[in-house]
N, C-alpha and C. Protein backbone atom coordinates (compact mmCIF):
# COMPACT_ATOMS: atom_id res chain seq x y z
N MET A 1 7.22 18.20 -9.56
CA MET A 1 6.19 17.23 -9.21
C MET A 1 6.11 16.16 -10.29
N ILE A 2 5.94 14.94 -9.89
CA ILE A 2 5.80 13.83 -10.81
C ILE A 2 4.35 13.73 -11.22
N THR A 3 4.04 13.55 -12.48
CA THR A 3 2.65 13.47 -12.91
C THR A 3 2.07 12.12 -12.62
N SER A 4 0.73 12.05 -12.49
CA SER A 4 0.06 10.78 -12.24
C SER A 4 0.30 9.81 -13.38
N LYS A 5 0.35 10.31 -14.63
CA LYS A 5 0.61 9.44 -15.76
C LYS A 5 1.98 8.82 -15.64
N TYR A 6 2.97 9.63 -15.22
CA TYR A 6 4.33 9.12 -15.04
C TYR A 6 4.35 8.04 -13.96
N CYS A 7 3.67 8.33 -12.84
CA CYS A 7 3.60 7.38 -11.74
C CYS A 7 2.96 6.08 -12.21
N LEU A 8 1.87 6.18 -12.95
CA LEU A 8 1.16 4.99 -13.41
C LEU A 8 2.04 4.14 -14.32
N ASN A 9 2.74 4.79 -15.26
CA ASN A 9 3.58 4.04 -16.19
C ASN A 9 4.71 3.31 -15.48
N ILE A 10 5.34 3.98 -14.50
CA ILE A 10 6.42 3.34 -13.76
C ILE A 10 5.90 2.16 -12.96
N LEU A 11 4.80 2.36 -12.24
CA LEU A 11 4.32 1.32 -11.34
C LEU A 11 3.82 0.11 -12.09
N LEU A 12 3.18 0.30 -13.22
CA LEU A 12 2.69 -0.84 -13.97
C LEU A 12 3.85 -1.70 -14.47
N SER A 13 5.03 -1.10 -14.66
CA SER A 13 6.18 -1.87 -15.12
C SER A 13 7.00 -2.45 -13.97
N LEU A 14 6.78 -1.93 -12.74
CA LEU A 14 7.63 -2.32 -11.62
C LEU A 14 7.02 -3.33 -10.67
N LEU A 15 5.70 -3.33 -10.47
CA LEU A 15 5.11 -4.06 -9.36
C LEU A 15 5.29 -5.56 -9.53
N ALA A 16 6.20 -6.14 -8.76
CA ALA A 16 6.41 -7.58 -8.77
C ALA A 16 5.88 -8.13 -7.46
N ILE A 17 5.24 -9.26 -7.49
CA ILE A 17 4.63 -9.82 -6.28
C ILE A 17 5.62 -10.75 -5.61
N SER A 18 5.89 -10.49 -4.34
CA SER A 18 6.82 -11.32 -3.60
C SER A 18 6.10 -12.51 -2.99
N THR A 19 6.68 -13.70 -3.12
CA THR A 19 6.13 -14.91 -2.48
C THR A 19 7.18 -15.49 -1.55
N SER A 20 7.87 -14.60 -0.85
CA SER A 20 8.95 -15.02 0.03
C SER A 20 8.46 -15.92 1.15
N LEU A 21 9.39 -16.61 1.80
CA LEU A 21 9.03 -17.54 2.86
C LEU A 21 8.43 -16.81 4.04
N ILE A 22 7.58 -17.54 4.78
CA ILE A 22 6.94 -17.02 5.98
C ILE A 22 7.82 -17.33 7.18
N SER A 23 8.14 -16.30 7.97
CA SER A 23 8.97 -16.52 9.14
C SER A 23 8.21 -16.14 10.40
N GLY A 24 8.91 -16.12 11.55
CA GLY A 24 8.26 -15.95 12.85
C GLY A 24 7.64 -14.60 13.06
N CYS A 25 6.78 -14.52 14.03
CA CYS A 25 6.02 -13.31 14.32
C CYS A 25 6.88 -12.33 15.11
N LYS A 26 6.79 -11.01 14.73
CA LYS A 26 7.47 -9.96 15.47
C LYS A 26 6.42 -8.90 15.79
N THR A 27 6.16 -8.64 17.05
CA THR A 27 5.19 -7.62 17.41
C THR A 27 5.71 -6.77 18.55
N GLN A 28 5.27 -5.51 18.53
CA GLN A 28 5.62 -4.60 19.61
C GLN A 28 4.45 -3.66 19.80
N GLN A 29 3.77 -3.73 20.93
CA GLN A 29 2.63 -2.88 21.18
C GLN A 29 3.10 -1.45 21.48
N THR A 30 2.79 -0.53 20.61
CA THR A 30 3.14 0.87 20.82
C THR A 30 2.01 1.73 20.32
N PRO A 31 1.84 2.92 20.86
CA PRO A 31 0.84 3.83 20.32
C PRO A 31 1.26 4.29 18.95
N GLY A 32 0.29 4.68 18.10
CA GLY A 32 0.61 5.18 16.77
C GLY A 32 1.38 6.49 16.88
N ALA A 33 2.23 6.73 15.88
CA ALA A 33 3.01 7.95 15.87
C ALA A 33 2.07 9.16 15.76
N GLU A 34 2.43 10.24 16.39
CA GLU A 34 1.58 11.42 16.39
C GLU A 34 1.48 11.99 14.98
N ASN A 35 0.28 12.28 14.53
CA ASN A 35 0.06 12.81 13.20
C ASN A 35 0.28 14.31 13.18
N GLY A 36 0.64 14.81 12.01
CA GLY A 36 0.84 16.24 11.83
C GLY A 36 -0.35 16.85 11.11
N ALA A 37 -0.07 17.82 10.24
CA ALA A 37 -1.14 18.52 9.53
C ALA A 37 -1.74 17.62 8.45
N PRO A 38 -3.07 17.53 8.39
CA PRO A 38 -3.69 16.67 7.38
C PRO A 38 -3.48 17.22 5.98
N ILE A 39 -3.14 16.34 5.04
CA ILE A 39 -3.03 16.67 3.62
C ILE A 39 -4.31 16.26 2.90
N PHE A 40 -4.77 15.05 3.20
CA PHE A 40 -5.94 14.51 2.51
C PHE A 40 -6.51 13.36 3.32
N GLN A 41 -7.84 13.37 3.49
CA GLN A 41 -8.54 12.29 4.15
C GLN A 41 -9.75 11.91 3.31
N ASP A 42 -10.11 10.63 3.30
CA ASP A 42 -11.23 10.19 2.47
C ASP A 42 -11.93 9.01 3.10
N ASP A 43 -13.26 9.15 3.27
CA ASP A 43 -14.07 8.02 3.73
C ASP A 43 -14.84 7.37 2.58
N PHE A 44 -14.60 7.86 1.36
CA PHE A 44 -15.12 7.29 0.12
C PHE A 44 -16.64 7.37 -0.01
N ASN A 45 -17.23 8.32 0.69
CA ASN A 45 -18.65 8.57 0.50
C ASN A 45 -18.91 9.52 -0.66
N ASP A 46 -17.86 10.20 -1.12
CA ASP A 46 -17.96 11.10 -2.26
C ASP A 46 -17.25 10.48 -3.46
N PRO A 47 -17.97 10.00 -4.47
CA PRO A 47 -17.33 9.36 -5.62
C PRO A 47 -16.55 10.33 -6.51
N GLN A 48 -16.59 11.61 -6.16
CA GLN A 48 -15.82 12.61 -6.91
C GLN A 48 -14.57 13.06 -6.16
N SER A 49 -14.12 12.27 -5.18
CA SER A 49 -12.97 12.69 -4.36
C SER A 49 -11.63 12.53 -5.06
N GLY A 50 -11.62 11.97 -6.27
CA GLY A 50 -10.41 12.05 -7.07
C GLY A 50 -9.67 10.76 -7.37
N TRP A 51 -10.06 9.64 -6.78
CA TRP A 51 -9.34 8.40 -7.04
C TRP A 51 -9.57 7.95 -8.48
N PHE A 52 -8.51 7.45 -9.09
CA PHE A 52 -8.59 6.98 -10.47
C PHE A 52 -9.56 5.81 -10.56
N VAL A 53 -10.55 5.91 -11.45
CA VAL A 53 -11.53 4.84 -11.63
C VAL A 53 -11.15 4.03 -12.86
N TYR A 54 -10.90 2.73 -12.63
CA TYR A 54 -10.53 1.86 -13.74
C TYR A 54 -11.75 1.55 -14.60
N LYS A 55 -11.56 1.61 -15.90
CA LYS A 55 -12.59 1.12 -16.80
C LYS A 55 -12.56 -0.41 -16.75
N ALA A 56 -13.66 -1.00 -16.36
CA ALA A 56 -13.70 -2.45 -16.18
C ALA A 56 -13.50 -3.18 -17.51
N ASP A 57 -12.69 -4.23 -17.47
CA ASP A 57 -12.55 -5.12 -18.62
C ASP A 57 -12.57 -6.55 -18.10
N SER A 58 -12.18 -7.48 -18.94
CA SER A 58 -12.26 -8.89 -18.55
C SER A 58 -11.24 -9.30 -17.50
N SER A 59 -10.23 -8.44 -17.26
CA SER A 59 -9.16 -8.85 -16.36
C SER A 59 -9.08 -8.04 -15.07
N LYS A 60 -9.62 -6.81 -15.06
CA LYS A 60 -9.48 -5.98 -13.87
C LYS A 60 -10.44 -4.81 -13.92
N GLY A 61 -10.64 -4.19 -12.76
CA GLY A 61 -11.45 -2.99 -12.68
C GLY A 61 -11.40 -2.42 -11.29
N GLY A 62 -11.88 -1.18 -11.13
CA GLY A 62 -11.88 -0.55 -9.82
C GLY A 62 -12.82 0.63 -9.80
N ALA A 63 -13.56 0.81 -8.70
CA ALA A 63 -14.51 1.91 -8.63
C ALA A 63 -14.95 2.13 -7.19
N TYR A 64 -15.54 3.32 -6.94
CA TYR A 64 -16.15 3.61 -5.65
C TYR A 64 -17.35 2.70 -5.43
N GLU A 65 -17.51 2.24 -4.18
CA GLU A 65 -18.63 1.36 -3.90
C GLU A 65 -18.93 1.35 -2.41
N GLN A 66 -20.05 1.92 -1.99
CA GLN A 66 -20.57 1.84 -0.63
C GLN A 66 -19.54 2.23 0.43
N GLY A 67 -19.02 3.44 0.33
CA GLY A 67 -18.09 3.95 1.33
C GLY A 67 -16.72 3.33 1.30
N ALA A 68 -16.32 2.80 0.16
CA ALA A 68 -14.99 2.20 -0.01
C ALA A 68 -14.63 2.26 -1.49
N TYR A 69 -13.42 1.84 -1.81
CA TYR A 69 -13.01 1.68 -3.19
C TYR A 69 -12.79 0.20 -3.42
N SER A 70 -13.45 -0.36 -4.43
CA SER A 70 -13.37 -1.79 -4.70
C SER A 70 -12.52 -2.05 -5.94
N VAL A 71 -11.71 -3.11 -5.86
CA VAL A 71 -10.84 -3.51 -6.96
C VAL A 71 -11.06 -4.99 -7.23
N TRP A 72 -11.16 -5.37 -8.49
CA TRP A 72 -11.25 -6.79 -8.82
C TRP A 72 -10.23 -7.13 -9.89
N SER A 73 -9.74 -8.34 -9.83
CA SER A 73 -8.65 -8.75 -10.70
C SER A 73 -8.79 -10.23 -11.04
N VAL A 74 -8.67 -10.55 -12.32
CA VAL A 74 -8.70 -11.93 -12.79
C VAL A 74 -7.33 -12.27 -13.37
N GLY A 75 -6.74 -13.36 -12.89
CA GLY A 75 -5.38 -13.69 -13.31
C GLY A 75 -4.35 -12.98 -12.46
N LYS A 76 -3.10 -13.15 -12.79
CA LYS A 76 -2.01 -12.60 -11.98
C LYS A 76 -1.75 -11.14 -12.36
N ASN A 77 -2.67 -10.29 -11.95
CA ASN A 77 -2.59 -8.87 -12.27
C ASN A 77 -1.95 -8.06 -11.16
N LYS A 78 -1.46 -6.89 -11.55
CA LYS A 78 -1.01 -5.90 -10.59
C LYS A 78 -1.81 -4.65 -10.83
N ILE A 79 -2.39 -4.09 -9.79
CA ILE A 79 -3.23 -2.91 -9.93
C ILE A 79 -2.77 -1.85 -8.93
N ILE A 80 -2.66 -0.62 -9.39
CA ILE A 80 -2.38 0.49 -8.49
C ILE A 80 -3.51 1.50 -8.59
N VAL A 81 -3.83 2.16 -7.48
CA VAL A 81 -4.91 3.14 -7.45
C VAL A 81 -4.33 4.47 -7.00
N LEU A 82 -4.53 5.50 -7.83
CA LEU A 82 -3.93 6.81 -7.61
C LEU A 82 -4.98 7.86 -7.28
N ASN A 83 -4.53 8.94 -6.66
CA ASN A 83 -5.35 10.11 -6.45
C ASN A 83 -4.46 11.34 -6.65
N PRO A 84 -4.92 12.35 -7.41
CA PRO A 84 -4.09 13.54 -7.63
C PRO A 84 -3.63 14.20 -6.34
N LYS A 85 -4.40 14.03 -5.26
CA LYS A 85 -4.03 14.66 -4.00
C LYS A 85 -2.81 13.99 -3.36
N THR A 86 -2.46 12.78 -3.80
CA THR A 86 -1.23 12.14 -3.33
C THR A 86 -0.13 12.27 -4.38
N ASN A 87 -0.41 13.00 -5.45
CA ASN A 87 0.54 13.19 -6.54
C ASN A 87 1.44 14.38 -6.23
N GLN A 88 2.26 14.21 -5.21
CA GLN A 88 3.19 15.25 -4.80
C GLN A 88 4.39 14.59 -4.15
N GLU A 89 5.47 15.33 -4.06
CA GLU A 89 6.70 14.76 -3.52
C GLU A 89 6.67 14.77 -2.01
N LEU A 90 6.12 13.70 -1.46
CA LEU A 90 5.98 13.57 -0.01
C LEU A 90 7.30 13.12 0.60
N GLY A 91 7.75 13.84 1.62
CA GLY A 91 8.99 13.48 2.30
C GLY A 91 8.70 12.91 3.67
N ASN A 92 8.45 13.78 4.64
CA ASN A 92 8.09 13.35 5.99
C ASN A 92 6.57 13.35 6.11
N PHE A 93 6.00 12.19 6.36
CA PHE A 93 4.55 12.06 6.35
C PHE A 93 4.12 10.81 7.11
N ALA A 94 2.83 10.75 7.40
CA ALA A 94 2.20 9.54 7.92
C ALA A 94 1.00 9.24 7.03
N VAL A 95 0.83 7.98 6.67
CA VAL A 95 -0.31 7.57 5.85
C VAL A 95 -0.92 6.33 6.48
N GLU A 96 -2.25 6.26 6.46
CA GLU A 96 -2.93 5.10 7.00
C GLU A 96 -4.16 4.77 6.16
N VAL A 97 -4.52 3.49 6.12
CA VAL A 97 -5.63 3.04 5.30
C VAL A 97 -6.12 1.68 5.80
N ASP A 98 -7.41 1.42 5.62
CA ASP A 98 -7.98 0.10 5.90
C ASP A 98 -8.06 -0.69 4.61
N LEU A 99 -7.56 -1.93 4.62
CA LEU A 99 -7.52 -2.77 3.44
C LEU A 99 -8.05 -4.16 3.76
N ARG A 100 -8.67 -4.79 2.76
CA ARG A 100 -9.06 -6.18 2.93
C ARG A 100 -9.26 -6.83 1.56
N THR A 101 -9.22 -8.15 1.54
CA THR A 101 -9.66 -8.90 0.38
C THR A 101 -11.05 -9.44 0.67
N THR A 102 -11.90 -9.45 -0.34
CA THR A 102 -13.24 -9.98 -0.17
C THR A 102 -13.41 -11.30 -0.91
N SER A 103 -12.31 -11.89 -1.34
CA SER A 103 -12.35 -13.15 -2.07
C SER A 103 -12.27 -14.32 -1.10
N THR A 104 -12.75 -15.47 -1.55
CA THR A 104 -12.61 -16.71 -0.76
C THR A 104 -11.35 -17.47 -1.14
N LEU A 105 -10.64 -16.99 -2.17
CA LEU A 105 -9.41 -17.63 -2.60
C LEU A 105 -8.24 -17.07 -1.80
N THR A 106 -7.07 -17.69 -1.91
CA THR A 106 -5.87 -17.18 -1.26
C THR A 106 -4.85 -16.81 -2.34
N GLY A 107 -4.02 -15.84 -2.00
CA GLY A 107 -3.00 -15.38 -2.94
C GLY A 107 -3.08 -13.89 -3.19
N ALA A 108 -3.44 -13.12 -2.16
CA ALA A 108 -3.63 -11.67 -2.30
C ALA A 108 -2.49 -10.90 -1.63
N LEU A 109 -2.05 -9.84 -2.29
CA LEU A 109 -1.06 -8.91 -1.74
C LEU A 109 -1.64 -7.52 -1.86
N MET A 110 -1.64 -6.76 -0.76
CA MET A 110 -2.25 -5.43 -0.77
C MET A 110 -1.49 -4.50 0.16
N GLY A 111 -1.33 -3.25 -0.25
CA GLY A 111 -0.58 -2.35 0.61
C GLY A 111 -0.40 -0.96 0.01
N ILE A 112 0.67 -0.31 0.44
CA ILE A 112 0.94 1.08 0.11
C ILE A 112 2.30 1.16 -0.58
N ILE A 113 2.34 1.83 -1.72
CA ILE A 113 3.62 2.19 -2.36
C ILE A 113 3.83 3.68 -2.11
N TYR A 114 5.03 4.06 -1.71
CA TYR A 114 5.28 5.45 -1.32
C TYR A 114 6.71 5.85 -1.65
N ARG A 115 6.94 7.17 -1.63
CA ARG A 115 8.23 7.75 -2.00
C ARG A 115 8.69 7.27 -3.38
N LEU A 116 7.75 7.18 -4.30
CA LEU A 116 8.08 6.89 -5.70
C LEU A 116 8.68 8.15 -6.31
N ASP A 117 9.97 8.12 -6.60
CA ASP A 117 10.63 9.33 -7.07
C ASP A 117 10.80 9.33 -8.60
N LYS A 118 11.36 10.42 -9.12
CA LYS A 118 11.47 10.59 -10.57
C LYS A 118 12.43 9.59 -11.20
N ASP A 119 13.28 8.95 -10.39
CA ASP A 119 14.19 7.93 -10.90
C ASP A 119 13.59 6.53 -10.85
N GLY A 120 12.35 6.43 -10.38
CA GLY A 120 11.69 5.14 -10.34
C GLY A 120 11.88 4.36 -9.05
N ASN A 121 12.61 4.92 -8.07
CA ASN A 121 12.78 4.24 -6.78
C ASN A 121 11.50 4.37 -5.96
N TYR A 122 11.20 3.36 -5.16
CA TYR A 122 10.00 3.40 -4.33
C TYR A 122 10.13 2.40 -3.19
N TYR A 123 9.21 2.50 -2.24
CA TYR A 123 9.07 1.53 -1.15
C TYR A 123 7.66 0.96 -1.19
N ARG A 124 7.53 -0.26 -0.66
CA ARG A 124 6.21 -0.88 -0.56
C ARG A 124 6.05 -1.53 0.82
N PHE A 125 4.94 -1.24 1.47
CA PHE A 125 4.54 -1.91 2.70
C PHE A 125 3.26 -2.66 2.38
N ALA A 126 3.28 -3.98 2.56
CA ALA A 126 2.14 -4.78 2.12
C ALA A 126 1.87 -5.92 3.08
N ILE A 127 0.63 -6.40 3.02
CA ILE A 127 0.23 -7.60 3.76
C ILE A 127 -0.36 -8.60 2.77
N THR A 128 -0.44 -9.85 3.21
CA THR A 128 -1.07 -10.89 2.41
C THR A 128 -2.26 -11.47 3.17
N ASP A 129 -3.06 -12.27 2.46
CA ASP A 129 -4.21 -12.87 3.11
C ASP A 129 -3.85 -14.10 3.93
N ASN A 130 -2.55 -14.44 3.99
CA ASN A 130 -2.13 -15.51 4.92
C ASN A 130 -1.42 -14.93 6.14
N ARG A 131 -1.75 -13.65 6.46
CA ARG A 131 -1.34 -12.99 7.70
C ARG A 131 0.17 -12.75 7.77
N THR A 132 0.75 -12.36 6.66
CA THR A 132 2.15 -11.96 6.63
C THR A 132 2.24 -10.51 6.17
N PHE A 133 3.37 -9.86 6.52
CA PHE A 133 3.62 -8.50 6.05
C PHE A 133 5.03 -8.43 5.49
N TYR A 134 5.29 -7.36 4.74
CA TYR A 134 6.52 -7.26 3.96
C TYR A 134 6.84 -5.79 3.70
N VAL A 135 8.13 -5.44 3.72
CA VAL A 135 8.59 -4.11 3.30
C VAL A 135 9.66 -4.31 2.25
N GLY A 136 9.48 -3.67 1.10
CA GLY A 136 10.45 -3.80 0.02
C GLY A 136 10.84 -2.45 -0.54
N GLN A 137 11.98 -2.43 -1.22
CA GLN A 137 12.44 -1.22 -1.92
C GLN A 137 12.74 -1.62 -3.35
N GLY A 138 12.10 -0.94 -4.31
CA GLY A 138 12.25 -1.31 -5.71
C GLY A 138 12.73 -0.17 -6.57
N GLY A 139 12.94 -0.49 -7.86
CA GLY A 139 13.41 0.49 -8.82
C GLY A 139 12.95 0.16 -10.22
N ARG A 140 13.53 0.82 -11.20
CA ARG A 140 13.11 0.66 -12.58
C ARG A 140 13.33 -0.76 -13.11
N ASN A 141 14.24 -1.51 -12.51
CA ASN A 141 14.51 -2.86 -13.01
C ASN A 141 13.42 -3.86 -12.65
N GLY A 142 12.41 -3.41 -11.90
CA GLY A 142 11.30 -4.29 -11.57
C GLY A 142 11.56 -5.23 -10.42
N LEU A 143 12.74 -5.16 -9.82
CA LEU A 143 13.08 -6.02 -8.69
C LEU A 143 12.89 -5.27 -7.38
N GLU A 144 12.57 -5.99 -6.32
CA GLU A 144 12.44 -5.39 -5.00
C GLU A 144 13.40 -6.03 -4.02
N ASN A 145 14.12 -5.18 -3.27
CA ASN A 145 14.98 -5.65 -2.20
C ASN A 145 14.16 -5.78 -0.93
N GLU A 146 14.33 -6.88 -0.23
CA GLU A 146 13.61 -7.07 1.03
C GLU A 146 14.26 -6.27 2.14
N LEU A 147 13.56 -5.27 2.63
CA LEU A 147 14.03 -4.52 3.80
C LEU A 147 13.47 -5.14 5.07
N GLU A 148 12.31 -5.72 4.97
CA GLU A 148 11.72 -6.53 6.04
C GLU A 148 11.09 -7.73 5.35
N PRO A 149 11.66 -8.93 5.54
CA PRO A 149 11.17 -10.10 4.79
C PRO A 149 9.74 -10.47 5.15
N MET A 150 9.11 -11.24 4.29
CA MET A 150 7.74 -11.69 4.54
C MET A 150 7.68 -12.38 5.90
N THR A 151 6.87 -11.82 6.81
CA THR A 151 6.87 -12.23 8.21
C THR A 151 5.44 -12.46 8.69
N TYR A 152 5.21 -13.59 9.35
CA TYR A 152 3.89 -13.88 9.89
C TYR A 152 3.64 -13.06 11.16
N SER A 153 2.39 -12.59 11.32
CA SER A 153 2.01 -11.92 12.56
C SER A 153 0.54 -12.19 12.84
N ASP A 154 0.23 -12.61 14.05
CA ASP A 154 -1.17 -12.82 14.40
C ASP A 154 -1.88 -11.50 14.70
N ILE A 155 -1.15 -10.38 14.62
CA ILE A 155 -1.78 -9.07 14.69
C ILE A 155 -2.64 -8.84 13.44
N ILE A 156 -2.25 -9.43 12.33
CA ILE A 156 -3.00 -9.29 11.08
C ILE A 156 -4.28 -10.12 11.15
N LYS A 157 -5.40 -9.49 10.89
CA LYS A 157 -6.68 -10.18 10.97
C LYS A 157 -6.86 -11.12 9.78
N PRO A 158 -7.44 -12.27 10.00
CA PRO A 158 -7.57 -13.26 8.93
C PRO A 158 -8.80 -13.01 8.06
N GLY A 159 -8.88 -13.79 6.99
CA GLY A 159 -10.08 -13.80 6.17
C GLY A 159 -10.36 -12.47 5.52
N ASN A 160 -11.65 -12.10 5.53
CA ASN A 160 -12.10 -10.89 4.84
C ASN A 160 -12.22 -9.68 5.75
N GLU A 161 -11.58 -9.71 6.92
CA GLU A 161 -11.62 -8.57 7.83
C GLU A 161 -10.68 -7.46 7.36
N TYR A 162 -11.07 -6.21 7.67
CA TYR A 162 -10.19 -5.09 7.36
C TYR A 162 -8.97 -5.11 8.27
N ASN A 163 -7.81 -4.78 7.71
CA ASN A 163 -6.60 -4.51 8.48
C ASN A 163 -6.20 -3.06 8.27
N HIS A 164 -5.79 -2.41 9.36
CA HIS A 164 -5.42 -1.00 9.33
C HIS A 164 -3.90 -0.88 9.21
N LEU A 165 -3.43 -0.36 8.09
CA LEU A 165 -1.99 -0.18 7.86
C LEU A 165 -1.62 1.28 8.04
N LYS A 166 -0.43 1.49 8.61
CA LYS A 166 0.06 2.85 8.80
C LYS A 166 1.57 2.87 8.58
N VAL A 167 2.03 3.85 7.83
CA VAL A 167 3.46 4.08 7.60
C VAL A 167 3.79 5.49 8.07
N VAL A 168 4.87 5.63 8.84
CA VAL A 168 5.35 6.94 9.29
C VAL A 168 6.78 7.11 8.79
N CYS A 169 7.00 8.13 7.96
CA CYS A 169 8.32 8.38 7.39
C CYS A 169 8.87 9.71 7.89
N SER A 170 10.09 9.67 8.40
CA SER A 170 10.77 10.88 8.85
C SER A 170 12.25 10.75 8.47
N GLY A 171 12.65 11.44 7.41
CA GLY A 171 14.01 11.29 6.92
C GLY A 171 14.28 9.86 6.49
N GLU A 172 15.36 9.27 7.00
CA GLU A 172 15.72 7.90 6.65
C GLU A 172 14.93 6.87 7.45
N ASN A 173 14.22 7.29 8.46
CA ASN A 173 13.52 6.36 9.35
C ASN A 173 12.08 6.12 8.90
N GLN A 174 11.70 4.85 8.93
CA GLN A 174 10.34 4.46 8.54
C GLN A 174 9.80 3.47 9.57
N ASP A 175 8.59 3.75 10.08
CA ASP A 175 7.93 2.89 11.05
C ASP A 175 6.67 2.31 10.43
N PHE A 176 6.37 1.05 10.78
CA PHE A 176 5.26 0.34 10.16
C PHE A 176 4.33 -0.23 11.23
N TYR A 177 3.05 0.07 11.10
CA TYR A 177 2.04 -0.34 12.06
C TYR A 177 0.94 -1.13 11.35
N ILE A 178 0.44 -2.14 12.05
CA ILE A 178 -0.75 -2.86 11.59
C ILE A 178 -1.71 -2.97 12.77
N ASN A 179 -2.91 -2.50 12.57
CA ASN A 179 -3.96 -2.55 13.61
C ASN A 179 -3.48 -1.97 14.94
N GLY A 180 -2.71 -0.88 14.86
CA GLY A 180 -2.26 -0.16 16.04
C GLY A 180 -0.98 -0.67 16.66
N SER A 181 -0.43 -1.77 16.16
CA SER A 181 0.81 -2.32 16.71
C SER A 181 1.98 -2.03 15.77
N LYS A 182 3.09 -1.57 16.34
CA LYS A 182 4.28 -1.30 15.56
C LYS A 182 5.00 -2.63 15.32
N LEU A 183 5.12 -3.03 14.04
CA LEU A 183 5.70 -4.32 13.72
C LEU A 183 7.11 -4.24 13.15
N ALA A 184 7.51 -3.08 12.67
CA ALA A 184 8.85 -2.99 12.07
C ALA A 184 9.30 -1.54 11.99
N THR A 185 10.61 -1.36 11.98
CA THR A 185 11.26 -0.07 11.73
C THR A 185 12.44 -0.32 10.82
N ILE A 186 12.60 0.52 9.80
CA ILE A 186 13.77 0.40 8.94
C ILE A 186 14.43 1.77 8.79
N THR A 187 15.69 1.75 8.39
CA THR A 187 16.42 2.97 8.06
C THR A 187 16.99 2.79 6.67
N ASP A 188 16.61 3.66 5.74
CA ASP A 188 17.06 3.55 4.36
C ASP A 188 16.93 4.91 3.69
N ASN A 189 17.90 5.26 2.85
CA ASN A 189 17.88 6.58 2.22
C ASN A 189 17.86 6.51 0.70
N THR A 190 17.42 5.37 0.14
CA THR A 190 17.39 5.24 -1.32
C THR A 190 16.48 6.30 -1.93
N SER A 191 15.33 6.51 -1.33
CA SER A 191 14.42 7.56 -1.79
C SER A 191 13.87 8.28 -0.56
N LEU A 192 13.99 9.60 -0.53
CA LEU A 192 13.55 10.38 0.63
C LEU A 192 12.31 11.20 0.33
N LYS A 193 11.82 11.14 -0.91
CA LYS A 193 10.67 11.95 -1.27
C LYS A 193 10.04 11.38 -2.53
N GLY A 194 8.70 11.41 -2.61
CA GLY A 194 8.05 10.93 -3.82
C GLY A 194 6.56 10.75 -3.64
N GLU A 195 5.93 10.17 -4.67
CA GLU A 195 4.48 9.99 -4.70
C GLU A 195 4.04 8.76 -3.92
N LEU A 196 2.72 8.61 -3.81
CA LEU A 196 2.14 7.54 -3.01
C LEU A 196 0.90 7.00 -3.73
N CYS A 197 0.68 5.69 -3.58
CA CYS A 197 -0.53 5.08 -4.13
C CYS A 197 -0.84 3.80 -3.37
N ILE A 198 -2.01 3.24 -3.60
CA ILE A 198 -2.42 1.97 -3.02
C ILE A 198 -2.19 0.89 -4.07
N SER A 199 -1.64 -0.26 -3.66
CA SER A 199 -1.29 -1.29 -4.64
C SER A 199 -1.90 -2.64 -4.26
N PHE A 200 -2.19 -3.40 -5.30
CA PHE A 200 -2.76 -4.75 -5.15
C PHE A 200 -2.11 -5.67 -6.17
N GLY A 201 -1.99 -6.93 -5.79
CA GLY A 201 -1.49 -7.93 -6.73
C GLY A 201 -1.92 -9.30 -6.26
N ASN A 202 -2.09 -10.20 -7.18
CA ASN A 202 -2.50 -11.55 -6.78
C ASN A 202 -1.85 -12.61 -7.65
N TRP A 203 -1.62 -13.76 -7.02
CA TRP A 203 -1.12 -14.92 -7.76
C TRP A 203 -2.13 -16.06 -7.69
N SER A 204 -3.37 -15.71 -7.37
CA SER A 204 -4.47 -16.66 -7.41
C SER A 204 -5.27 -16.41 -8.70
N PRO A 205 -6.21 -17.29 -9.06
CA PRO A 205 -6.98 -17.08 -10.29
C PRO A 205 -7.74 -15.77 -10.34
N SER A 206 -8.22 -15.29 -9.19
CA SER A 206 -8.93 -14.01 -9.15
C SER A 206 -8.97 -13.51 -7.72
N GLU A 207 -9.10 -12.19 -7.56
CA GLU A 207 -9.18 -11.58 -6.23
C GLU A 207 -10.08 -10.36 -6.29
N ASN A 208 -10.68 -10.06 -5.14
CA ASN A 208 -11.44 -8.82 -4.96
C ASN A 208 -10.92 -8.13 -3.70
N TYR A 209 -10.78 -6.82 -3.77
CA TYR A 209 -10.24 -6.05 -2.66
C TYR A 209 -11.11 -4.82 -2.41
N THR A 210 -11.05 -4.29 -1.20
CA THR A 210 -11.60 -2.96 -0.93
C THR A 210 -10.65 -2.22 0.00
N PHE A 211 -10.63 -0.89 -0.11
CA PHE A 211 -9.91 -0.07 0.87
C PHE A 211 -10.74 1.16 1.19
N THR A 212 -10.55 1.69 2.39
CA THR A 212 -11.32 2.85 2.85
C THR A 212 -10.57 3.54 3.99
N ASN A 213 -11.15 4.62 4.51
CA ASN A 213 -10.57 5.36 5.64
C ASN A 213 -9.11 5.74 5.38
N PHE A 214 -8.88 6.38 4.25
CA PHE A 214 -7.53 6.81 3.87
C PHE A 214 -7.21 8.14 4.54
N LYS A 215 -6.03 8.25 5.16
CA LYS A 215 -5.60 9.50 5.80
C LYS A 215 -4.13 9.73 5.51
N LEU A 216 -3.81 10.96 5.13
CA LEU A 216 -2.44 11.34 4.81
C LEU A 216 -2.12 12.63 5.54
N TYR A 217 -1.00 12.64 6.29
CA TYR A 217 -0.59 13.79 7.10
C TYR A 217 0.84 14.17 6.77
N SER A 218 1.13 15.45 6.83
CA SER A 218 2.51 15.90 6.73
C SER A 218 3.12 15.93 8.13
N LEU A 219 4.41 15.64 8.21
CA LEU A 219 5.15 15.68 9.47
C LEU A 219 6.32 16.64 9.33
N LYS A 220 6.75 17.21 10.41
CA LYS A 220 7.90 18.12 10.40
C LYS A 220 9.17 17.35 10.20
């Protein structure tokens, strides 16, 4: 098992924010993939449920707040939020979460990092506040390969509304859903098992984010 400290150190050195071009919309209305046995669910009403609480400073912070987890960032920061219950080598799984920015500025990136393995390989599924989504695969060198380029979709809700993200991983196959619609599928075997966390990054002067309704399931 990879330790949370190990995960934190790798991610803080790796998370690069993509500002790739916006391309055409791709949508496919499909039902969500069937979930398996629950590993961990959180509605954030219990502040002792295990998420790492950032000690606030002048540049960033994060804490439980009114049934959600709130993150704030000043400057071009990258923030990851961990929970020991996701600190395990997840292989076949489904994860879903509601995410939003509460800032009036633009320049927010928010999503899920998963299958972070002991060699530093990982995947990221993220959305931006300009209604684009992205799938990348990264490593220790801090670079991310675009597996699904930054793509506009009107399925993504604008402004400060919550968007529901879901990733379903089964072997080399990965499916990506936003607000109940399947927007992408990739096949890649760079990393087949690893840890998971929620990630945020911004290239605006400051951003505020919240996430809630986190659910993690194991799949056969």
